[in-house]
Amino acid sequence: MANNDNLKFLVCCANGSGSSLMAQLALEKVLKRNNMKCKTHHCPLSEGKSAAAQYDVLLCAQNFANMFTDAQAKGVKVIPLKNVMSDKEIEEKLKAEGVIE
């Protein structure tokens, strides 16, 4: 999966406004640092639950990760985050999952 510019990332938070936007910006920083041009989208959990299967990678706060077991079963990589605003944590977890090298 490494260096795939066609990956689609979904970032979810409770309301889809504050923390998911911050996490999306942190994710985009990580992708840019790794020279990846991927599509990113942020949304509330309600939208994310129904849309998750259309994405390759989903990022959310740790306490919401268990809401995406259906998407995981369909092959979506679900990345739970302690700090959704930490580009360092996002990069470490994406590397650990083999999304980036």
Protein backbone atom coordinates (compact mmCIF):
# COMPACT_ATOMS: atom_id res chain seq x y z
CA MET A 1 0.00 0.00 0.00
CA ALA A 2 3.01 2.29 0.42
CA ASN A 3 3.35 5.33 -1.84
CA ASN A 4 -0.09 4.95 -3.31
CA ASP A 5 -1.29 8.37 -4.42
CA ASN A 6 -4.79 7.08 -5.12
CA LEU A 7 -5.64 6.31 -1.50
CA LYS A 8 -8.75 7.91 -0.06
CA PHE A 9 -8.63 8.99 3.58
CA LEU A 10 -11.63 9.69 5.79
CA VAL A 11 -11.31 11.54 9.10
CA CYS A 12 -14.25 11.35 11.52
CA CYS A 13 -15.14 13.10 14.75
CA ALA A 14 -18.31 13.46 16.78
CA ASN A 15 -19.71 16.48 14.93
CA GLY A 16 -17.55 16.63 11.83
CA SER A 17 -16.45 20.21 12.30
CA GLY A 18 -13.66 20.94 14.78
CA SER A 19 -11.42 18.02 15.57
CA SER A 20 -11.91 16.16 12.28
CA LEU A 21 -10.90 19.28 10.36
CA MET A 22 -7.81 19.65 12.57
CA ALA A 23 -7.00 15.97 12.08
CA GLN A 24 -7.49 16.31 8.32
CA LEU A 25 -5.02 19.23 8.25
CA ALA A 26 -2.52 17.19 10.29
CA LEU A 27 -3.02 14.22 7.94
CA GLU A 28 -2.48 16.43 4.87
CA LYS A 29 0.76 17.70 6.43
CA VAL A 30 1.92 14.08 6.84
CA LEU A 31 0.92 13.15 3.28
CA LYS A 32 2.70 16.21 1.88
CA ARG A 33 5.85 15.36 3.89
CA ASN A 34 5.75 11.88 2.36
CA ASN A 35 5.10 13.19 -1.17
CA MET A 36 1.68 11.57 -1.37
CA LYS A 37 -1.18 13.23 -3.23
CA CYS A 38 -4.24 11.56 -1.78
CA LYS A 39 -7.87 12.53 -1.39
CA THR A 40 -8.91 13.44 2.16
CA HIS A 41 -12.36 14.13 3.56
CA HIS A 42 -13.60 14.90 7.07
CA CYS A 43 -17.09 14.33 8.42
CA PRO A 44 -19.19 13.55 11.50
CA LEU A 45 -19.39 9.99 12.80
CA SER A 46 -22.94 9.62 11.48
CA GLU A 47 -21.78 10.20 7.88
CA GLY A 48 -18.55 8.29 8.45
CA LYS A 49 -20.33 5.13 9.54
CA SER A 50 -22.24 4.92 6.27
CA ALA A 51 -19.44 6.19 3.99
CA ALA A 52 -16.41 4.44 5.54
CA ALA A 53 -16.41 1.46 3.16
CA GLN A 54 -15.76 3.85 0.22
CA TYR A 55 -12.39 4.83 1.71
CA ASP A 56 -9.04 3.06 2.08
CA VAL A 57 -8.03 4.55 5.42
CA LEU A 58 -10.16 5.98 8.21
CA LEU A 59 -8.78 8.04 11.10
CA CYS A 60 -10.75 8.79 14.26
CA ALA A 61 -10.35 9.26 18.00
CA GLN A 62 -9.60 6.00 19.84
CA ASN A 63 -12.96 5.94 21.60
CA PHE A 64 -14.81 5.83 18.23
CA ALA A 65 -12.72 3.15 16.50
CA ASN A 66 -15.05 0.31 17.53
CA MET A 67 -17.85 1.97 15.52
CA PHE A 68 -16.08 1.02 12.30
CA THR A 69 -15.78 -2.78 12.61
CA ASP A 70 -18.00 -3.23 9.51
CA ALA A 71 -15.69 -1.03 7.43
CA GLN A 72 -12.66 -2.87 8.81
CA ALA A 73 -14.19 -6.17 7.75
CA LYS A 74 -14.43 -4.72 4.21
CA GLY A 75 -10.70 -3.93 4.17
CA VAL A 76 -10.66 -0.32 5.39
CA LYS A 77 -7.67 0.42 7.62
CA VAL A 78 -9.06 2.02 10.78
CA ILE A 79 -6.45 4.13 12.58
CA PRO A 80 -7.42 5.07 16.16
CA LEU A 81 -5.74 8.23 17.45
CA LYS A 82 -4.99 9.40 20.99
CA ASN A 83 -4.42 12.97 19.79
CA VAL A 84 -6.23 13.74 16.54
CA MET A 85 -4.20 16.93 16.07
CA SER A 86 -0.80 15.23 16.27
CA ASP A 87 0.74 14.87 12.81
CA LYS A 88 3.55 12.96 14.53
CA GLU A 89 1.14 10.33 15.88
CA ILE A 90 -0.71 10.14 12.54
CA GLU A 91 2.58 9.59 10.70
CA GLU A 92 3.75 6.92 13.18
CA LYS A 93 0.46 5.01 12.95
CA LEU A 94 0.31 5.23 9.14
CA LYS A 95 3.86 3.86 8.98
CA ALA A 96 3.00 1.08 11.46
CA GLU A 97 0.02 0.11 9.28
CA GLY A 98 2.12 0.14 6.10
CA VAL A 99 0.16 3.01 4.55
CA ILE A 100 3.35 5.05 4.17
CA GLU A 101 6.96 3.89 4.19
